[in-house]
Amino acid sequence: MSNLSYYIALSGIETDRVALATTANDISNANTPGFERETPAISTVNALDPLGIGGGADVTSILQDSNSFLQAASWQANADVANLTARQQQLSGIQNIFQEPSSTGLSSQLSTFWNAWDAVAQNPSSPAPRAALIGDAQNVAQTLNQFSSQLNAMSSQTANQMDTTAGLVNNLLSQAASLNQQITSASAGGSQANSLIDQRNQVIQQLAQDIGITARTASNGSDTLSVGGVTLVQDNVADTVLVKTNPITGAISLQSQNSGATLPVSSGTLAGLLAAHNTDFPNYLNQINGVASDIANLVNTQLAAGYYDNGGTWTAGIPMFLNSSSGLATGITAANIEVSPTIVSNPVDIAASDTSTLPNATNDGNNAQTIATFYNSSSGPDQAYRALIEGLGAQVQGVNSQMATQQGVQSAATASLQAATGVSTDQEMIKTLQYQQAYQASAKVIVAVSTALQSLLAAV
């Protein structure tokens, strides 16, 4: 009986030692991303005594407190927030380009530009209002040039960011495949792979944030990772994500190297960057091109209907705005709009006079006055630009609202996962106290048995 008591007490000491080590590991990894709380699986040892007294306790395994449903929900919530964060940053960058409302923005410059036509109309024979008008026209053209340049620069930076992120994704896919192999090998050999699973969880969490990946665990313990149904990791084989640019449209897509399939990315950072590059930048670039084209067409068309004094000969008006690439008044965009060098050199060539004054050969400024009224046009460039700014503001506000909602979802998902699988240091400290007391009690049993044996021997 004494030997049995020793064995039982020793098993208790060993069991509690392992349990204390497990708790210590939990506490040390309380803030480790991807770590799942561990619990020792303690069972009784088969009876060794004919009377049926048990043989003590034994730790049969170290269990992970995992919850695949909550984990998937958390990964998806993180991916959605990452998507909106990327989109939010790009749209905020676009807003910073336009800088509206502002006393120096394009809206203010257009107002000054139309007013300058009114000044010319009031004193059409004076060179000063014409020189001021040309300066205002150049300001408008240069601002439009800058808008186009900055939007294209941001688009290129976004493309570079996608290349960088895709490279990180490919590295993580390789890590996931390698961890799959290590986990399946450990499981096949009868070993537990808890730390490897934790590492893989951390890799998958980052992949979810980057590209919105989803995971499905197979019976052998490996995780199959996919995006929109396209498998990127299976067992120990990892695919490569390629960033492809359409040579005609400039649109970017992500493709699987192995299958050539386009990845339908709908969440994660790459989804936000794709939406910004393929939709937002072209949208606002097209709108600002429309504003530039409208300004040029309105002014040039009306100037063609007017006349200027060409050395005593009244001559039909020439365009004020040209395409800097071709030198023509066609194909004008925000990128190439410029004020005609001829008009810059010869302000008198601005056709400020109305055609009705030709018989009297007077410079009445009526044509300049007509151009000045374009500011109030319900379908003019000012209204188009206001619509652009208002639409951008509404889009940013919408994304900000979605972000606030999704961050609430993310917080709830994270809290649920943490409650189910995370480490509570308070609970772990309670466990530590319980295991410590049990350990000390087992040690006292050994002392008590030893004392009893010594008393027995002394009595013999």
Protein backbone atom coordinates (compact mmCIF):
# COMPACT_ATOMS: atom_id res chain seq x y z
CA MET A 1 0.00 0.00 0.00
CA SER A 2 2.84 2.39 0.86
CA ASN A 3 4.46 1.91 -2.54
CA LEU A 4 1.10 2.57 -4.21
CA SER A 5 0.69 5.74 -2.16
CA TYR A 6 4.10 6.90 -3.28
CA TYR A 7 3.25 6.27 -6.95
CA ILE A 8 -0.08 8.04 -6.66
CA ALA A 9 1.48 11.07 -4.96
CA LEU A 10 4.31 11.17 -7.49
CA SER A 11 1.81 11.10 -10.36
CA GLY A 12 0.03 14.03 -8.75
CA ILE A 13 3.26 15.98 -8.48
CA GLU A 14 4.12 15.27 -12.13
CA THR A 15 0.61 16.09 -13.31
CA ASP A 16 0.55 19.38 -11.43
CA ARG A 17 4.05 20.21 -12.66
CA VAL A 18 2.89 19.83 -16.28
CA ALA A 19 -0.28 21.78 -15.52
CA LEU A 20 1.74 24.60 -13.96
CA ALA A 21 4.04 24.66 -17.01
CA THR A 22 0.98 24.84 -19.29
CA THR A 23 -0.43 27.75 -17.32
CA ALA A 24 2.94 29.52 -17.37
CA ASN A 25 3.02 29.08 -21.16
CA ASP A 26 -0.48 30.55 -21.45
CA ILE A 27 0.48 33.59 -19.40
CA SER A 28 3.69 34.17 -21.34
CA ASN A 29 1.72 34.09 -24.62
CA ALA A 30 -1.21 36.19 -23.44
CA ASN A 31 -0.39 38.85 -26.05
CA THR A 32 0.98 36.58 -28.77
CA PRO A 33 -1.06 36.96 -32.01
CA GLY A 34 -2.66 33.68 -33.10
CA PHE A 35 -2.04 31.92 -29.78
CA GLU A 36 -4.84 29.68 -28.54
CA ARG A 37 -5.20 29.00 -24.82
CA GLU A 38 -3.92 25.57 -23.79
CA THR A 39 -5.43 23.22 -21.21
CA PRO A 40 -3.90 19.99 -19.87
CA ALA A 41 -6.11 16.94 -20.46
CA ILE A 42 -5.84 15.12 -17.12
CA SER A 43 -7.16 11.58 -16.71
CA THR A 44 -6.99 8.91 -14.02
CA VAL A 45 -4.49 6.07 -14.25
CA ASN A 46 -5.89 2.54 -14.29
CA ALA A 47 -6.21 0.87 -10.92
CA LEU A 48 -3.08 -0.89 -9.71
CA ASP A 49 -4.53 -2.22 -6.46
CA PRO A 50 -6.75 -5.35 -6.18
CA LEU A 51 -9.18 -3.28 -4.14
CA GLY A 52 -9.68 -0.94 -7.10
CA ILE A 53 -7.80 2.06 -5.79
CA GLY A 54 -6.81 4.26 -8.73
CA GLY A 55 -3.25 4.67 -9.87
CA GLY A 56 -3.17 8.45 -9.68
CA ALA A 57 -3.40 11.05 -12.47
CA ASP A 58 -1.71 11.60 -15.81
CA VAL A 59 -1.62 14.37 -18.45
CA THR A 60 -2.59 12.60 -21.67
CA SER A 61 -2.32 15.67 -23.93
CA ILE A 62 -2.27 19.46 -24.07
CA LEU A 63 -5.47 20.68 -25.68
CA GLN A 64 -5.92 23.96 -27.57
CA ASP A 65 -9.10 25.85 -26.82
CA SER A 66 -9.86 26.55 -30.48
CA ASN A 67 -13.09 27.68 -32.13
CA SER A 68 -12.97 27.57 -35.92
CA PHE A 69 -16.25 29.45 -36.38
CA LEU A 70 -15.26 32.41 -34.22
CA GLN A 71 -11.77 32.41 -35.66
CA ALA A 72 -13.10 32.58 -39.24
CA ALA A 73 -15.46 35.40 -38.24
CA SER A 74 -12.57 37.33 -36.68
CA TRP A 75 -10.37 36.88 -39.75
CA GLN A 76 -13.18 38.08 -42.01
CA ALA A 77 -13.87 41.11 -39.82
CA ASN A 78 -10.17 42.04 -39.90
CA ALA A 79 -10.12 41.59 -43.68
CA ASP A 80 -13.13 43.89 -44.11
CA VAL A 81 -11.56 46.59 -41.95
CA ALA A 82 -8.29 46.31 -43.90
CA ASN A 83 -10.23 46.72 -47.16
CA LEU A 84 -12.01 49.85 -45.96
CA THR A 85 -8.81 51.25 -44.44
CA ALA A 86 -6.98 51.03 -47.76
CA ARG A 87 -9.94 52.56 -49.64
CA GLN A 88 -10.29 55.29 -47.03
CA GLN A 89 -6.61 56.23 -47.29
CA GLN A 90 -6.75 56.47 -51.09
CA LEU A 91 -9.92 58.57 -51.13
CA SER A 92 -8.49 60.88 -48.47
CA GLY A 93 -5.44 61.28 -50.70
CA ILE A 94 -7.69 62.28 -53.59
CA GLN A 95 -9.41 64.84 -51.38
CA ASN A 96 -6.02 66.29 -50.46
CA ILE A 97 -5.28 66.79 -54.15
CA PHE A 98 -8.33 68.98 -54.77
CA GLN A 99 -8.12 70.91 -51.47
CA GLU A 100 -11.74 72.09 -51.48
CA PRO A 101 -13.18 74.27 -50.15
CA SER A 102 -10.21 76.63 -50.36
CA SER A 103 -9.51 80.21 -51.37
CA THR A 104 -6.80 78.90 -53.70
CA GLY A 105 -8.67 75.85 -55.07
CA LEU A 106 -9.93 75.39 -58.60
CA SER A 107 -13.43 76.53 -57.67
CA SER A 108 -12.07 79.88 -56.52
CA GLN A 109 -9.77 80.10 -59.55
CA LEU A 110 -12.67 79.52 -61.93
CA SER A 111 -14.67 82.27 -60.24
CA THR A 112 -11.73 84.64 -60.66
CA PHE A 113 -11.34 83.53 -64.28
CA TRP A 114 -14.96 84.30 -65.22
CA ASN A 115 -14.80 87.64 -63.40
CA ALA A 116 -11.70 88.50 -65.42
CA TRP A 117 -13.80 88.22 -68.59
CA ASP A 118 -16.21 90.73 -67.11
CA ALA A 119 -13.30 93.11 -66.46
CA VAL A 120 -12.24 92.79 -70.10
CA ALA A 121 -15.83 93.45 -71.20
CA GLN A 122 -15.91 96.65 -69.14
CA ASN A 123 -12.71 97.99 -70.68
CA PRO A 124 -12.00 95.93 -73.84
CA SER A 125 -9.38 98.28 -75.25
CA SER A 126 -7.19 98.29 -72.14
CA PRO A 127 -4.25 95.85 -72.06
CA ALA A 128 -4.28 95.43 -68.25
CA PRO A 129 -7.55 93.43 -67.94
CA ARG A 130 -6.44 91.21 -70.83
CA ALA A 131 -3.09 90.49 -69.16
CA ALA A 132 -4.86 89.66 -65.90
CA LEU A 133 -7.26 87.36 -67.77
CA ILE A 134 -4.37 85.46 -69.33
CA GLY A 135 -2.76 85.00 -65.90
CA ASP A 136 -6.03 83.68 -64.48
CA ALA A 137 -6.44 81.32 -67.44
CA GLN A 138 -2.92 80.00 -66.91
CA ASN A 139 -3.65 79.40 -63.23
CA VAL A 140 -6.71 77.32 -64.14
CA ALA A 141 -4.80 75.32 -66.75
CA GLN A 142 -1.84 74.68 -64.46
CA THR A 143 -4.10 73.57 -61.60
CA LEU A 144 -5.81 71.11 -63.93
CA ASN A 145 -2.37 69.88 -65.04
CA GLN A 146 -1.41 69.33 -61.41
CA PHE A 147 -4.65 67.46 -60.67
CA SER A 148 -3.98 65.05 -63.52
CA SER A 149 -0.32 64.60 -62.58
CA GLN A 150 -1.08 63.98 -58.91
CA LEU A 151 -3.94 61.55 -59.60
CA ASN A 152 -1.73 59.56 -61.97
CA ALA A 153 1.11 59.61 -59.45
CA MET A 154 -1.19 58.29 -56.72
CA SER A 155 -2.45 55.60 -59.08
CA SER A 156 1.14 54.52 -59.79
CA GLN A 157 1.98 54.51 -56.08
CA THR A 158 -1.07 52.33 -55.44
CA ALA A 159 0.09 49.91 -58.13
CA ASN A 160 3.53 49.75 -56.49
CA GLN A 161 1.88 49.14 -53.12
CA MET A 162 -0.04 46.24 -54.63
CA ASP A 163 3.20 44.75 -55.97
CA THR A 164 4.76 45.02 -52.51
CA THR A 165 1.73 43.55 -50.74
CA ALA A 166 1.50 40.70 -53.24
CA GLY A 167 5.14 39.88 -52.52
CA LEU A 168 4.39 39.71 -48.81
CA VAL A 169 1.36 37.52 -49.52
CA ASN A 170 3.45 35.09 -51.54
CA ASN A 171 5.95 34.82 -48.71
CA LEU A 172 3.13 34.11 -46.23
CA LEU A 173 1.63 31.48 -48.55
CA SER A 174 4.98 29.67 -48.60
CA GLN A 175 5.14 29.84 -44.80
CA ALA A 176 1.62 28.41 -44.51
CA ALA A 177 2.50 25.50 -46.82
CA SER A 178 5.67 24.79 -44.84
CA LEU A 179 3.76 24.86 -41.54
CA ASN A 180 1.16 22.51 -43.02
CA GLN A 181 3.88 20.01 -43.74
CA GLN A 182 5.39 20.31 -40.26
CA ILE A 183 1.99 19.96 -38.60
CA THR A 184 0.96 16.89 -40.57
CA SER A 185 4.36 15.29 -39.98
CA ALA A 186 4.15 15.90 -36.24
CA SER A 187 0.58 14.57 -36.07
CA ALA A 188 1.50 11.47 -38.07
CA GLY A 189 4.34 10.82 -35.61
CA GLY A 190 2.01 11.00 -32.64
CA SER A 191 3.25 14.41 -31.47
CA GLN A 192 1.23 17.51 -30.80
CA ALA A 193 1.86 20.59 -32.94
CA ASN A 194 0.19 23.30 -30.88
CA SER A 195 2.93 25.90 -31.33
CA LEU A 196 3.04 25.22 -35.08
CA ILE A 197 -0.75 25.65 -35.29
CA ASP A 198 -0.43 28.95 -33.42
CA GLN A 199 2.20 30.10 -35.91
CA ARG A 200 -0.03 29.11 -38.82
CA ASN A 201 -2.96 30.98 -37.28
CA GLN A 202 -0.82 34.10 -37.15
CA VAL A 203 0.16 33.66 -40.81
CA ILE A 204 -3.47 33.17 -41.85
CA GLN A 205 -4.56 36.21 -39.87
CA GLN A 206 -2.07 38.35 -41.80
CA LEU A 207 -3.15 36.77 -45.10
CA ALA A 208 -6.76 37.59 -44.27
CA GLN A 209 -5.83 41.22 -43.71
CA ASP A 210 -3.78 41.38 -46.91
CA ILE A 211 -5.93 39.46 -49.38
CA GLY A 212 -9.06 38.24 -47.57
CA ILE A 213 -8.03 34.60 -47.53
CA THR A 214 -10.25 31.88 -46.04
CA ALA A 215 -9.11 28.62 -44.43
CA ARG A 216 -10.53 25.12 -44.26
CA THR A 217 -8.88 22.48 -42.06
CA ALA A 218 -8.48 19.01 -43.56
CA SER A 219 -8.62 15.73 -41.64
CA ASN A 220 -4.81 15.47 -41.64
CA GLY A 221 -4.51 18.82 -39.83
CA SER A 222 -3.40 20.89 -42.83
CA ASP A 223 -5.24 24.07 -43.81
CA THR A 224 -6.42 24.70 -47.36
CA LEU A 225 -6.28 28.43 -48.08
CA SER A 226 -8.29 30.07 -50.85
CA VAL A 227 -9.56 33.40 -52.18
CA GLY A 228 -13.01 33.44 -53.73
CA GLY A 229 -12.88 29.71 -54.34
CA VAL A 230 -9.38 29.77 -55.92
CA THR A 231 -7.03 27.57 -53.89
CA LEU A 232 -3.68 29.13 -53.06
CA VAL A 233 -2.36 26.64 -50.49
CA GLN A 234 -3.13 22.94 -50.27
CA ASP A 235 -1.12 20.63 -48.04
CA ASN A 236 2.52 21.64 -48.55
CA VAL A 237 2.03 23.29 -51.98
CA ALA A 238 1.78 27.08 -52.25
CA ASP A 239 0.63 29.05 -55.27
CA THR A 240 1.99 32.48 -56.27
CA VAL A 241 -0.15 35.60 -56.65
CA LEU A 242 0.69 37.61 -59.77
CA VAL A 243 -0.15 41.30 -60.30
CA LYS A 244 -1.28 41.78 -63.91
CA THR A 245 -1.84 45.11 -65.68
CA ASN A 246 -4.13 45.32 -68.70
CA PRO A 247 -2.02 47.00 -71.42
CA ILE A 248 -5.09 48.70 -72.92
CA THR A 249 -7.16 49.85 -69.94
CA GLY A 250 -4.40 49.98 -67.33
CA ALA A 251 -6.63 48.05 -64.90
CA ILE A 252 -4.87 45.71 -62.49
CA SER A 253 -5.96 42.19 -61.56
CA LEU A 254 -4.55 39.47 -59.32
CA GLN A 255 -4.02 36.04 -60.80
CA SER A 256 -3.03 32.57 -59.68
CA GLN A 257 0.26 31.53 -61.23
CA ASN A 258 -0.65 27.85 -61.12
CA SER A 259 -4.11 28.02 -62.68
CA GLY A 260 -4.08 31.42 -64.36
CA ALA A 261 -7.43 32.18 -62.72
CA THR A 262 -8.26 35.74 -61.73
CA LEU A 263 -8.60 36.05 -57.97
CA PRO A 264 -11.98 37.60 -57.05
CA VAL A 265 -10.55 39.60 -54.15
CA SER A 266 -13.35 41.23 -52.17
CA SER A 267 -11.73 41.95 -48.81
CA GLY A 268 -8.34 42.70 -47.34
CA THR A 269 -5.91 45.50 -48.17
CA LEU A 270 -5.49 44.40 -51.77
CA ALA A 271 -9.23 44.65 -52.38
CA GLY A 272 -9.20 48.28 -51.24
CA LEU A 273 -6.15 49.09 -53.35
CA LEU A 274 -7.67 47.40 -56.42
CA ALA A 275 -10.90 49.37 -56.04
CA ALA A 276 -8.98 52.63 -55.71
CA HIS A 277 -6.71 51.93 -58.67
CA ASN A 278 -9.29 50.46 -61.04
CA THR A 279 -12.34 52.55 -60.09
CA ASP A 280 -11.68 55.65 -57.98
CA PHE A 281 -8.67 57.11 -59.75
CA PRO A 282 -10.07 56.60 -63.29
CA ASN A 283 -13.42 57.99 -62.15
CA TYR A 284 -12.05 61.26 -60.79
CA LEU A 285 -9.50 61.57 -63.57
CA ASN A 286 -12.29 61.24 -66.14
CA GLN A 287 -14.35 63.85 -64.32
CA ILE A 288 -11.51 66.35 -64.11
CA ASN A 289 -10.75 65.71 -67.79
CA GLY A 290 -14.38 66.54 -68.47
CA VAL A 291 -14.04 69.81 -66.55
CA ALA A 292 -10.93 70.75 -68.57
CA SER A 293 -12.63 69.85 -71.84
CA ASP A 294 -15.76 71.83 -70.92
CA ILE A 295 -13.76 74.94 -70.03
CA ALA A 296 -11.80 74.78 -73.29
CA ASN A 297 -14.81 74.04 -75.50
CA LEU A 298 -17.01 76.74 -73.97
CA VAL A 299 -14.39 79.46 -74.17
CA ASN A 300 -12.95 78.47 -77.54
CA THR A 301 -16.38 78.12 -79.15
CA GLN A 302 -17.50 81.54 -77.96
CA LEU A 303 -14.21 83.16 -78.98
CA ALA A 304 -14.69 81.74 -82.47
CA ALA A 305 -17.99 83.63 -82.61
CA GLY A 306 -16.25 86.92 -81.75
CA TYR A 307 -13.68 89.18 -83.35
CA TYR A 308 -10.49 90.99 -82.47
CA ASP A 309 -8.71 93.93 -84.03
CA ASN A 310 -5.91 92.44 -86.10
CA GLY A 311 -4.01 95.58 -87.08
CA GLY A 312 -7.10 97.35 -88.26
CA THR A 313 -8.73 94.25 -89.68
CA TRP A 314 -11.46 92.59 -87.62
CA THR A 315 -10.56 88.91 -87.52
CA ALA A 316 -12.55 85.89 -86.20
CA GLY A 317 -11.41 84.79 -82.76
CA ILE A 318 -8.77 82.12 -82.16
CA PRO A 319 -8.82 79.48 -79.36
CA MET A 320 -7.56 80.43 -75.92
CA PHE A 321 -7.01 76.84 -74.76
CA LEU A 322 -5.00 74.26 -76.68
CA ASN A 323 -3.75 70.69 -76.36
CA SER A 324 -0.11 71.13 -75.36
CA SER A 325 0.82 67.86 -77.06
CA SER A 326 -0.65 68.66 -80.48
CA GLY A 327 -0.98 72.43 -80.39
CA LEU A 328 -4.59 72.02 -81.51
CA ALA A 329 -7.87 72.86 -79.82
CA THR A 330 -8.93 69.19 -79.86
CA GLY A 331 -8.38 66.29 -77.49
CA ILE A 332 -7.96 68.62 -74.53
CA THR A 333 -7.67 66.96 -71.10
CA ALA A 334 -6.58 68.05 -67.66
CA ALA A 335 -3.12 66.70 -68.42
CA ASN A 336 -2.51 68.72 -71.59
CA ILE A 337 -4.64 71.87 -71.34
CA GLU A 338 -2.63 75.07 -71.82
CA VAL A 339 -3.24 78.70 -72.75
CA SER A 340 -2.42 79.41 -76.40
CA PRO A 341 1.14 80.78 -76.69
CA THR A 342 -0.16 83.12 -79.39
CA ILE A 343 -2.65 84.72 -77.01
CA VAL A 344 -0.08 84.83 -74.21
CA SER A 345 2.24 86.80 -76.53
CA ASN A 346 -0.53 88.89 -78.04
CA PRO A 347 -3.35 89.64 -75.56
CA VAL A 348 -5.04 91.82 -78.20
CA ASP A 349 -5.90 88.58 -80.04
CA ILE A 350 -8.57 87.79 -77.44
CA ALA A 351 -11.82 88.17 -79.40
CA ALA A 352 -13.69 90.31 -76.90
CA SER A 353 -15.87 92.02 -79.50
CA ASP A 354 -19.30 90.83 -80.59
CA THR A 355 -19.91 90.14 -84.31
CA SER A 356 -22.74 92.67 -84.39
CA THR A 357 -20.27 95.51 -84.00
CA LEU A 358 -18.34 94.71 -87.21
CA PRO A 359 -19.99 97.25 -89.46
CA ASN A 360 -19.11 99.98 -86.99
CA ALA A 361 -15.64 98.53 -86.29
CA THR A 362 -15.87 99.07 -82.55
CA ASN A 363 -14.38 96.97 -79.79
CA ASP A 364 -17.44 96.72 -77.54
CA GLY A 365 -16.51 93.75 -75.31
CA ASN A 366 -19.87 92.02 -75.77
CA ASN A 367 -18.29 88.66 -76.55
CA ALA A 368 -16.18 88.83 -73.39
CA GLN A 369 -19.36 89.63 -71.45
CA THR A 370 -21.04 86.54 -72.87
CA ILE A 371 -18.14 84.36 -71.71
CA ALA A 372 -18.34 85.94 -68.24
CA THR A 373 -21.91 84.60 -67.89
CA PHE A 374 -20.73 80.99 -68.23
CA TYR A 375 -20.12 81.03 -64.47
CA ASN A 376 -23.87 80.75 -63.95
CA SER A 377 -24.36 77.99 -66.50
CA SER A 378 -26.33 75.11 -65.02
CA SER A 379 -24.37 72.62 -67.14
CA GLY A 380 -21.02 74.40 -67.23
CA PRO A 381 -17.62 73.33 -65.90
CA ASP A 382 -18.18 74.99 -62.52
CA GLN A 383 -21.21 72.82 -61.88
CA ALA A 384 -19.35 69.73 -63.09
CA TYR A 385 -16.47 70.48 -60.74
CA ARG A 386 -18.85 71.09 -57.82
CA ALA A 387 -20.53 67.77 -58.57
CA LEU A 388 -17.10 66.08 -58.53
CA ILE A 389 -16.20 67.56 -55.13
CA GLU A 390 -19.63 66.80 -53.66
CA GLY A 391 -19.54 63.24 -54.99
CA LEU A 392 -16.07 62.70 -53.56
CA GLY A 393 -17.17 64.07 -50.20
CA ALA A 394 -20.20 61.79 -50.17
CA GLN A 395 -18.06 58.78 -51.07
CA VAL A 396 -15.55 59.52 -48.32
CA GLN A 397 -18.37 59.99 -45.83
CA GLY A 398 -19.90 56.68 -46.93
CA VAL A 399 -16.61 54.82 -46.50
CA ASN A 400 -16.07 56.46 -43.10
CA SER A 401 -19.55 55.34 -42.04
CA GLN A 402 -18.87 51.79 -43.23
CA MET A 403 -15.57 51.85 -41.40
CA ALA A 404 -17.21 52.85 -38.11
CA THR A 405 -19.75 50.04 -38.49
CA GLN A 406 -17.17 47.45 -39.49
CA GLN A 407 -14.84 48.40 -36.65
CA GLY A 408 -17.72 47.63 -34.29
CA VAL A 409 -18.10 44.23 -35.95
CA GLN A 410 -14.35 43.68 -35.69
CA SER A 411 -14.31 44.56 -31.99
CA ALA A 412 -17.19 42.20 -31.26
CA ALA A 413 -15.61 39.37 -33.27
CA THR A 414 -12.25 39.86 -31.58
CA ALA A 415 -13.85 39.93 -28.12
CA SER A 416 -15.82 36.74 -28.83
CA LEU A 417 -12.72 34.94 -30.09
CA GLN A 418 -10.65 36.17 -27.16
CA ALA A 419 -13.26 34.97 -24.70
CA ALA A 420 -13.34 31.53 -26.29
CA THR A 421 -9.68 30.95 -27.09
CA GLY A 422 -7.63 33.76 -25.61
CA VAL A 423 -5.74 33.94 -22.35
CA SER A 424 -7.19 35.62 -19.27
CA THR A 425 -4.31 36.24 -16.92
CA ASP A 426 -6.72 36.44 -13.98
CA GLN A 427 -8.09 32.97 -14.73
CA GLU A 428 -4.61 31.60 -15.31
CA MET A 429 -3.45 32.92 -11.95
CA ILE A 430 -6.38 31.14 -10.28
CA LYS A 431 -5.37 27.94 -12.07
CA THR A 432 -1.77 28.47 -10.97
CA LEU A 433 -2.88 28.67 -7.35
CA GLN A 434 -5.01 25.52 -7.69
CA TYR A 435 -2.21 23.51 -9.30
CA GLN A 436 0.30 24.84 -6.76
CA GLN A 437 -1.88 23.78 -3.83
CA ALA A 438 -2.43 20.35 -5.40
CA TYR A 439 1.31 20.01 -5.95
CA GLN A 440 2.02 20.87 -2.30
CA ALA A 441 -0.67 18.46 -1.14
CA SER A 442 0.87 15.60 -3.14
CA ALA A 443 4.25 16.44 -1.65
CA LYS A 444 2.74 16.30 1.85
CA VAL A 445 1.30 12.87 1.07
CA ILE A 446 4.79 11.62 0.28
CA VAL A 447 6.08 13.09 3.56
CA ALA A 448 3.20 11.53 5.47
CA VAL A 449 3.77 8.10 3.91
CA SER A 450 7.50 8.34 4.56
CA THR A 451 6.89 9.30 8.20
CA ALA A 452 4.48 6.41 8.66
CA LEU A 453 6.99 3.94 7.26
CA GLN A 454 9.74 5.24 9.49
CA SER A 455 7.46 4.93 12.56
CA LEU A 456 6.60 1.38 11.54
CA LEU A 457 10.24 0.44 11.10
CA ALA A 458 11.13 1.99 14.46
CA ALA A 459 8.45 -0.08 16.15
CA VAL A 460 9.72 -3.36 14.78
